[in-house]
Amino acid sequence: MREKLACRACEAITQLPAPSHPIARGRAGPKLLAHVLFAKYGLHLPLHRQSDVYQREGIDLDVSTLADWVGASAATLMPLVDAIRSHVFAAERIHADDTTVPVLAKGKTRTGRLWTYARDDRPFGPDPPAAVFFYSLDRSGEHPEQHLAGDAGLMQADAYAGFGKLYEANRKAGPIIEAACWAHGRRKFFDLARLSKAPIAADAVKRIDVLFATEREINGLAPQERRHVRQERSRPLITELHARLREQRDKLSRNNETTKAINYCLSRWDAFTRFLDDGRPCMSNNATERELRAVAVGRRNWTFAGSDEGGRRTAAIYTLIATAKLNDIDPQAWLADVLARLPDHPAKRIHELMPWNRRLQSIAHAA
């Protein structure tokens, strides 16, 4: 309720302007909206379960109402999503990966994809970490081409063939430099060593583990120092591993599973050894795999996205929650704060609402 004030002298009537709302004509406040968003995408609680929870408390909130709030909130928060996207793709090095997401179709579900790109140079880099998600109808290579249309830096990823055009020398924006994931290469040998007790695979796992042990020792050093240690300690091990894999491959059948694991590495050897000559890459692509775990847990609970638009909303909210977590910010508290501020916040100062800037402001306030 807003009071109207009248002047007895001139009979003019004034009234305070209506307060801004996070969503147009919405009765939900920023804290309630943030709670619904984080419950679904952070705690993996589907909207129908949230509706049941409210019902037990005597509050009638239909699933359709909650869904409308999620859609409207995602639209309100898109300036932040766009800013995070720009921040991620401004990095010299990014991680890339994707996973499936079921999407409701007529009488069935079909398989969509959620792609994630992350920048995370902790603890040796000063820039704040962030992750951005995209939704697509399928896994066609045209989607990463669109996502990375203007990017020409270093990308750590698995051996997905759809990334191939990104690495071409005649690419318009310039070739993206591929850095392969040793965790993927090791996993193929590890599975064979664990399930089949394959001695060649077990030997490969031990050799790769020594490389990872070296990486743990130098984690946190500047890229130049990392490169120096890798040249001195890791390169001789890599040379031995390469010779060992080639030697063992010549003794195995072409259709042997160990041969396939060896070929996976040898056919991409330049990408696998990129980290030796450049101190920026990690040995693995675990930065994006960690972010995709939330999707894997979530789809076991909310089971599917209701539509393609729902998939895009899912990508947007995952972007916000993942980036807040990467910066050690409470996602629900941050979402409530920005939902309250965004309607009246100048678009040119959107960077002030980024989670890493909110953290700095909190530290300054505490001091």
Protein backbone atom coordinates (compact mmCIF):
# COMPACT_ATOMS: atom_id res chain seq x y z
CA MET A 1 0.00 0.00 0.00
CA ARG A 2 1.36 3.43 -1.03
CA GLU A 3 0.11 6.52 0.77
CA LYS A 4 -1.08 9.55 -1.20
CA LEU A 5 -0.21 12.96 0.20
CA ALA A 6 -2.19 16.11 -0.61
CA CYS A 7 -1.09 19.72 -0.14
CA ARG A 8 -3.75 21.84 1.60
CA ALA A 9 -2.45 25.01 -0.01
CA CYS A 10 -2.30 24.01 -3.69
CA GLU A 11 -4.27 20.75 -3.49
CA ALA A 12 -1.50 18.91 -5.35
CA ILE A 13 -1.40 15.16 -4.75
CA THR A 14 1.84 13.16 -4.64
CA GLN A 15 2.52 9.50 -4.23
CA LEU A 16 5.73 7.51 -3.95
CA PRO A 17 6.50 5.49 -7.09
CA ALA A 18 5.68 1.80 -6.97
CA PRO A 19 8.65 -0.34 -5.93
CA SER A 20 10.27 -2.40 -8.63
CA HIS A 21 9.57 -6.13 -8.73
CA PRO A 22 11.93 -8.87 -9.90
CA ILE A 23 9.28 -10.15 -12.31
CA ALA A 24 6.56 -8.09 -13.96
CA ARG A 25 3.19 -8.21 -12.19
CA GLY A 26 4.57 -10.92 -9.91
CA ARG A 27 3.67 -11.27 -6.28
CA ALA A 28 6.80 -13.26 -5.40
CA GLY A 29 9.67 -11.38 -3.83
CA PRO A 30 13.36 -11.89 -4.65
CA LYS A 31 14.04 -14.22 -1.71
CA LEU A 32 11.17 -16.54 -2.59
CA LEU A 33 12.19 -16.61 -6.25
CA ALA A 34 15.81 -17.32 -5.33
CA HIS A 35 14.66 -20.13 -3.05
CA VAL A 36 12.62 -21.76 -5.83
CA LEU A 37 15.45 -21.44 -8.36
CA PHE A 38 18.13 -22.81 -6.05
CA ALA A 39 15.88 -25.60 -4.78
CA LYS A 40 15.36 -26.83 -8.33
CA TYR A 41 18.77 -26.31 -9.90
CA GLY A 42 21.02 -26.34 -6.83
CA LEU A 43 19.27 -28.90 -4.62
CA HIS A 44 17.69 -30.82 -7.54
CA LEU A 45 14.16 -30.55 -6.12
CA PRO A 46 11.53 -30.68 -8.92
CA LEU A 47 8.80 -28.07 -8.91
CA HIS A 48 6.04 -30.59 -8.13
CA ARG A 49 7.89 -31.59 -4.95
CA GLN A 50 8.33 -27.95 -4.02
CA SER A 51 4.61 -27.43 -4.56
CA ASP A 52 3.93 -30.36 -2.20
CA VAL A 53 6.22 -28.86 0.44
CA TYR A 54 4.38 -25.54 0.30
CA GLN A 55 1.03 -27.35 0.37
CA ARG A 56 1.96 -29.08 3.62
CA GLU A 57 2.64 -25.65 5.09
CA GLY A 58 -0.79 -24.45 4.03
CA ILE A 59 0.44 -22.43 1.04
CA ASP A 60 -1.23 -23.12 -2.30
CA LEU A 61 1.41 -22.74 -5.00
CA ASP A 62 0.58 -24.63 -8.16
CA VAL A 63 3.35 -26.16 -10.26
CA SER A 64 2.35 -23.95 -13.19
CA THR A 65 2.79 -20.86 -11.01
CA LEU A 66 6.25 -21.98 -9.93
CA ALA A 67 7.15 -22.73 -13.55
CA ASP A 68 6.05 -19.24 -14.58
CA TRP A 69 8.21 -17.77 -11.84
CA VAL A 70 11.23 -19.78 -12.99
CA GLY A 71 10.76 -18.60 -16.58
CA ALA A 72 10.27 -14.97 -15.62
CA SER A 73 13.23 -15.02 -13.23
CA ALA A 74 15.48 -16.53 -15.90
CA ALA A 75 14.50 -13.71 -18.26
CA THR A 76 15.26 -11.11 -15.57
CA LEU A 77 18.65 -12.65 -14.88
CA MET A 78 19.77 -12.90 -18.53
CA PRO A 79 21.98 -9.77 -18.36
CA LEU A 80 24.06 -11.56 -15.73
CA VAL A 81 24.20 -14.73 -17.86
CA ASP A 82 25.40 -12.69 -20.85
CA ALA A 83 28.06 -11.00 -18.72
CA ILE A 84 29.34 -14.34 -17.42
CA ARG A 85 29.41 -15.71 -20.97
CA SER A 86 31.57 -12.77 -22.10
CA HIS A 87 33.88 -13.27 -19.13
CA VAL A 88 34.37 -16.98 -19.86
CA PHE A 89 35.12 -16.49 -23.55
CA ALA A 90 37.56 -13.66 -22.82
CA ALA A 91 39.92 -16.19 -21.20
CA GLU A 92 43.15 -17.37 -22.82
CA ARG A 93 42.22 -20.95 -21.92
CA ILE A 94 38.83 -22.58 -21.49
CA HIS A 95 37.51 -26.05 -20.72
CA ALA A 96 34.67 -27.57 -22.76
CA ASP A 97 32.37 -30.56 -22.31
CA ASP A 98 28.75 -31.62 -22.75
CA THR A 99 26.17 -34.04 -21.41
CA THR A 100 22.69 -35.28 -22.24
CA VAL A 101 19.42 -33.83 -20.99
CA PRO A 102 16.05 -35.50 -21.68
CA VAL A 103 13.47 -33.14 -23.21
CA LEU A 104 9.74 -33.79 -23.19
CA ALA A 105 8.23 -34.55 -26.61
CA LYS A 106 4.84 -35.85 -27.74
CA GLY A 107 4.37 -39.16 -25.94
CA LYS A 108 8.08 -39.58 -25.20
CA THR A 109 11.31 -37.77 -24.41
CA ARG A 110 14.12 -36.95 -26.80
CA THR A 111 17.76 -36.29 -26.02
CA GLY A 112 19.00 -32.71 -25.93
CA ARG A 113 22.44 -31.52 -24.86
CA LEU A 114 23.82 -29.18 -22.26
CA TRP A 115 27.23 -27.76 -23.14
CA THR A 116 29.47 -26.11 -20.59
CA TYR A 117 32.55 -23.94 -20.99
CA ALA A 118 34.60 -22.95 -17.96
CA ARG A 119 37.53 -20.72 -17.17
CA ASP A 120 39.31 -21.68 -13.99
CA ASP A 121 42.95 -20.79 -13.52
CA ARG A 122 42.95 -21.23 -9.77
CA PRO A 123 45.16 -21.18 -7.88
CA PHE A 124 47.85 -19.75 -10.20
CA GLY A 125 45.68 -17.22 -12.07
CA PRO A 126 44.27 -13.93 -10.75
CA ASP A 127 41.08 -13.90 -12.85
CA PRO A 128 37.87 -15.15 -11.20
CA PRO A 129 36.53 -18.54 -12.31
CA ALA A 130 33.21 -18.93 -14.11
CA ALA A 131 31.19 -21.46 -16.09
CA VAL A 132 28.59 -20.92 -18.80
CA PHE A 133 26.03 -23.44 -20.05
CA PHE A 134 24.24 -23.71 -23.39
CA TYR A 135 21.33 -25.88 -24.46
CA SER A 136 20.94 -27.46 -27.90
CA LEU A 137 18.53 -29.87 -29.57
CA ASP A 138 21.28 -32.34 -30.47
CA ARG A 139 25.03 -32.90 -30.39
CA SER A 140 25.81 -31.53 -33.82
CA GLY A 141 29.21 -29.88 -34.18
CA GLU A 142 27.55 -26.69 -35.40
CA HIS A 143 26.61 -25.84 -31.81
CA PRO A 144 30.15 -25.47 -30.40
CA GLU A 145 31.04 -23.66 -33.62
CA GLN A 146 28.33 -21.11 -32.83
CA HIS A 147 29.26 -20.88 -29.15
CA LEU A 148 32.94 -20.28 -29.97
CA ALA A 149 32.51 -18.31 -33.18
CA GLY A 150 34.83 -15.52 -32.06
CA ASP A 151 37.19 -17.52 -29.87
CA ALA A 152 40.70 -18.52 -30.90
CA GLY A 153 42.43 -19.44 -27.65
CA LEU A 154 43.40 -22.66 -25.96
CA MET A 155 40.66 -25.23 -25.29
CA GLN A 156 40.84 -28.32 -23.13
CA ALA A 157 38.32 -30.95 -24.19
CA ASP A 158 37.75 -34.62 -24.90
CA ALA A 159 38.09 -36.17 -28.35
CA TYR A 160 34.58 -35.28 -29.55
CA ALA A 161 34.71 -35.17 -33.36
CA GLY A 162 32.35 -32.17 -33.48
CA PHE A 163 35.15 -29.96 -32.17
CA GLY A 164 37.23 -30.77 -35.25
CA LYS A 165 36.37 -27.68 -37.29
CA LEU A 166 37.39 -25.47 -34.39
CA TYR A 167 40.98 -26.69 -34.74
CA GLU A 168 41.28 -26.10 -38.49
CA ALA A 169 44.02 -23.70 -39.58
CA ASN A 170 41.77 -21.86 -42.06
CA ARG A 171 39.06 -21.11 -39.49
CA LYS A 172 37.81 -17.54 -39.86
CA ALA A 173 38.52 -16.45 -36.28
CA GLY A 174 41.75 -18.45 -36.23
CA PRO A 175 42.28 -22.02 -35.06
CA ILE A 176 41.53 -22.98 -31.50
CA ILE A 177 44.46 -24.83 -29.95
CA GLU A 178 43.47 -28.26 -28.67
CA ALA A 179 44.74 -29.59 -25.35
CA ALA A 180 43.62 -33.16 -24.71
CA CYS A 181 42.46 -34.54 -21.38
CA TRP A 182 44.76 -37.08 -19.73
CA ALA A 183 41.96 -38.09 -17.36
CA HIS A 184 40.02 -39.40 -20.38
CA GLY A 185 43.07 -41.23 -21.72
CA ARG A 186 43.87 -42.72 -18.31
CA ARG A 187 40.25 -43.81 -17.78
CA LYS A 188 40.36 -46.12 -20.79
CA PHE A 189 43.45 -47.88 -19.44
CA PHE A 190 42.10 -47.90 -15.88
CA ASP A 191 38.89 -49.67 -16.90
CA LEU A 192 40.89 -52.34 -18.71
CA ALA A 193 43.27 -52.78 -15.78
CA ARG A 194 40.39 -53.05 -13.31
CA LEU A 195 38.03 -55.26 -15.29
CA SER A 196 40.37 -57.33 -17.45
CA LYS A 197 43.54 -57.18 -15.35
CA ALA A 198 45.38 -56.19 -18.55
CA PRO A 199 49.08 -55.76 -17.63
CA ILE A 200 49.82 -53.26 -20.41
CA ALA A 201 46.90 -51.09 -19.29
CA ALA A 202 47.99 -51.32 -15.64
CA ASP A 203 51.50 -50.22 -16.60
CA ALA A 204 50.10 -47.24 -18.53
CA VAL A 205 47.99 -46.20 -15.53
CA LYS A 206 51.05 -46.25 -13.25
CA ARG A 207 53.06 -44.13 -15.68
CA ILE A 208 50.25 -41.59 -16.09
CA ASP A 209 49.75 -41.42 -12.32
CA VAL A 210 53.39 -40.32 -11.94
CA LEU A 211 52.66 -37.43 -14.32
CA PHE A 212 49.61 -36.42 -12.28
CA ALA A 213 51.69 -36.58 -9.08
CA THR A 214 54.10 -34.06 -10.60
CA GLU A 215 51.17 -31.83 -11.53
CA ARG A 216 49.91 -31.84 -7.94
CA GLU A 217 53.33 -30.64 -6.77
CA ILE A 218 53.41 -27.68 -9.16
CA ASN A 219 49.74 -26.73 -8.83
CA GLY A 220 49.68 -23.06 -7.87
CA LEU A 221 52.93 -22.09 -9.57
CA ALA A 222 53.03 -19.53 -12.36
CA PRO A 223 52.70 -20.92 -15.92
CA GLN A 224 56.37 -20.27 -16.66
CA GLU A 225 57.45 -22.27 -13.59
CA ARG A 226 55.05 -25.08 -14.43
CA ARG A 227 56.46 -25.29 -17.94
CA HIS A 228 60.01 -25.46 -16.58
CA VAL A 229 59.18 -28.36 -14.24
CA ARG A 230 57.26 -30.18 -16.95
CA GLN A 231 60.18 -29.90 -19.35
CA GLU A 232 62.59 -31.18 -16.73
CA ARG A 233 60.53 -33.95 -15.10
CA SER A 234 57.48 -34.80 -17.20
CA ARG A 235 58.95 -34.77 -20.72
CA PRO A 236 61.29 -37.75 -20.13
CA LEU A 237 58.33 -39.71 -18.71
CA ILE A 238 56.16 -38.78 -21.68
CA THR A 239 58.89 -39.89 -24.09
CA GLU A 240 59.15 -43.25 -22.33
CA LEU A 241 55.38 -43.67 -22.29
CA HIS A 242 55.13 -42.91 -26.01
CA ALA A 243 57.79 -45.48 -26.85
CA ARG A 244 56.18 -48.03 -24.56
CA LEU A 245 52.71 -47.59 -26.09
CA ARG A 246 54.03 -47.91 -29.64
CA GLU A 247 56.02 -50.99 -28.73
CA GLN A 248 53.08 -52.74 -27.09
CA ARG A 249 50.65 -51.79 -29.84
CA ASP A 250 52.80 -53.62 -32.40
CA LYS A 251 52.37 -56.84 -30.39
CA LEU A 252 48.57 -56.66 -30.09
CA SER A 253 45.68 -57.43 -32.37
CA ARG A 254 44.08 -54.46 -34.10
CA ASN A 255 40.72 -55.27 -32.48
CA ASN A 256 42.12 -55.69 -28.98
CA GLU A 257 40.57 -53.31 -26.44
CA THR A 258 44.01 -52.31 -25.18
CA THR A 259 44.99 -51.44 -28.76
CA LYS A 260 41.96 -49.14 -28.97
CA ALA A 261 42.96 -47.41 -25.74
CA ILE A 262 46.52 -46.97 -27.03
CA ASN A 263 45.31 -45.60 -30.37
CA TYR A 264 43.08 -43.10 -28.56
CA CYS A 265 46.21 -41.54 -27.07
CA LEU A 266 48.69 -41.95 -29.91
CA SER A 267 46.34 -40.55 -32.56
CA ARG A 268 46.08 -37.34 -30.51
CA TRP A 269 49.60 -37.24 -29.16
CA ASP A 270 50.25 -33.60 -30.09
CA ALA A 271 47.16 -32.52 -28.15
CA PHE A 272 48.07 -34.78 -25.22
CA THR A 273 51.59 -33.34 -24.99
CA ARG A 274 50.55 -29.70 -25.41
CA PHE A 275 50.95 -29.10 -21.69
CA LEU A 276 54.71 -29.77 -21.89
CA ASP A 277 55.44 -26.67 -23.96
CA ASP A 278 52.78 -24.40 -22.47
CA GLY A 279 52.43 -23.81 -18.74
CA ARG A 280 48.79 -22.71 -18.97
CA PRO A 281 46.97 -25.99 -19.67
CA CYS A 282 46.12 -28.53 -17.00
CA MET A 283 46.56 -32.23 -17.64
CA SER A 284 42.83 -32.87 -17.40
CA ASN A 285 39.46 -31.41 -18.32
CA ASN A 286 38.06 -31.99 -14.86
CA ALA A 287 37.02 -28.34 -14.50
CA THR A 288 34.00 -28.86 -16.75
CA GLU A 289 33.34 -32.43 -15.65
CA ARG A 290 32.86 -31.15 -12.10
CA GLU A 291 30.29 -28.62 -13.31
CA LEU A 292 28.36 -31.28 -15.23
CA ARG A 293 27.91 -33.39 -12.12
CA ALA A 294 25.09 -31.08 -11.04
CA VAL A 295 23.29 -31.83 -14.29
CA ALA A 296 23.78 -35.57 -13.83
CA VAL A 297 22.31 -35.44 -10.33
CA GLY A 298 19.54 -33.08 -11.38
CA ARG A 299 18.21 -35.14 -14.26
CA ARG A 300 17.75 -38.11 -11.92
CA ASN A 301 15.31 -35.95 -9.96
CA TRP A 302 13.53 -33.57 -12.35
CA THR A 303 13.94 -36.31 -15.05
CA PHE A 304 13.46 -34.04 -18.10
CA ALA A 305 13.17 -30.47 -19.37
CA GLY A 306 9.61 -29.61 -20.31
CA SER A 307 10.55 -28.00 -23.64
CA ASP A 308 13.44 -26.52 -25.61
CA GLU A 309 12.76 -23.20 -23.91
CA GLY A 310 12.92 -25.03 -20.59
CA GLY A 311 16.31 -26.40 -21.63
CA ARG A 312 17.57 -22.88 -22.33
CA ARG A 313 16.29 -21.71 -18.93
CA THR A 314 18.04 -24.64 -17.32
CA ALA A 315 21.32 -23.64 -18.98
CA ALA A 316 20.90 -20.03 -17.80
CA ILE A 317 20.27 -20.88 -14.14
CA TYR A 318 23.03 -23.50 -14.06
CA THR A 319 25.38 -20.78 -15.35
CA LEU A 320 24.53 -18.52 -12.42
CA ILE A 321 24.62 -21.18 -9.71
CA ALA A 322 27.84 -22.80 -10.96
CA THR A 323 29.65 -19.45 -11.20
CA ALA A 324 28.55 -18.43 -7.72
CA LYS A 325 29.83 -21.72 -6.28
CA LEU A 326 33.15 -21.37 -8.10
CA ASN A 327 33.61 -18.00 -6.39
CA ASP A 328 32.66 -19.32 -2.92
CA ILE A 329 29.43 -17.32 -2.87
CA ASP A 330 26.15 -18.69 -1.47
CA PRO A 331 24.11 -19.09 -4.71
CA GLN A 332 20.70 -18.59 -3.09
CA ALA A 333 21.74 -15.48 -1.18
CA TRP A 334 23.41 -14.03 -4.28
CA LEU A 335 20.38 -14.74 -6.49
CA ALA A 336 18.09 -13.07 -3.95
CA ASP A 337 20.38 -10.03 -3.86
CA VAL A 338 20.67 -9.60 -7.64
CA LEU A 339 16.95 -10.23 -8.23
CA ALA A 340 16.24 -7.37 -5.84
CA ARG A 341 18.81 -5.06 -7.43
CA LEU A 342 18.53 -5.81 -11.15
CA PRO A 343 15.28 -3.96 -11.97
CA ASP A 344 16.81 -0.61 -10.93
CA HIS A 345 20.46 -1.34 -11.64
CA PRO A 346 22.15 0.51 -14.55
CA ALA A 347 22.94 -1.84 -17.43
CA LYS A 348 26.39 -0.30 -17.84
CA ARG A 349 27.30 -1.34 -14.30
CA ILE A 350 26.18 -4.95 -14.51
CA HIS A 351 29.73 -6.02 -13.61
CA GLU A 352 29.11 -4.78 -10.08
CA LEU A 353 26.66 -7.63 -9.54
CA MET A 354 29.04 -10.39 -10.63
CA PRO A 355 29.63 -12.92 -7.82
CA TRP A 356 33.37 -12.23 -7.63
CA ASN A 357 32.67 -8.52 -7.16
CA ARG A 358 30.05 -9.24 -4.51
CA ARG A 359 32.69 -11.29 -2.69
CA LEU A 360 35.15 -8.42 -2.79
CA GLN A 361 32.49 -6.03 -1.50
CA SER A 362 31.70 -8.43 1.36
CA ILE A 363 35.39 -8.64 2.28
CA ALA A 364 35.72 -4.85 2.19
CA HIS A 365 32.60 -4.46 4.34
CA ALA A 366 33.87 -6.99 6.88
CA ALA A 367 37.21 -5.17 7.08
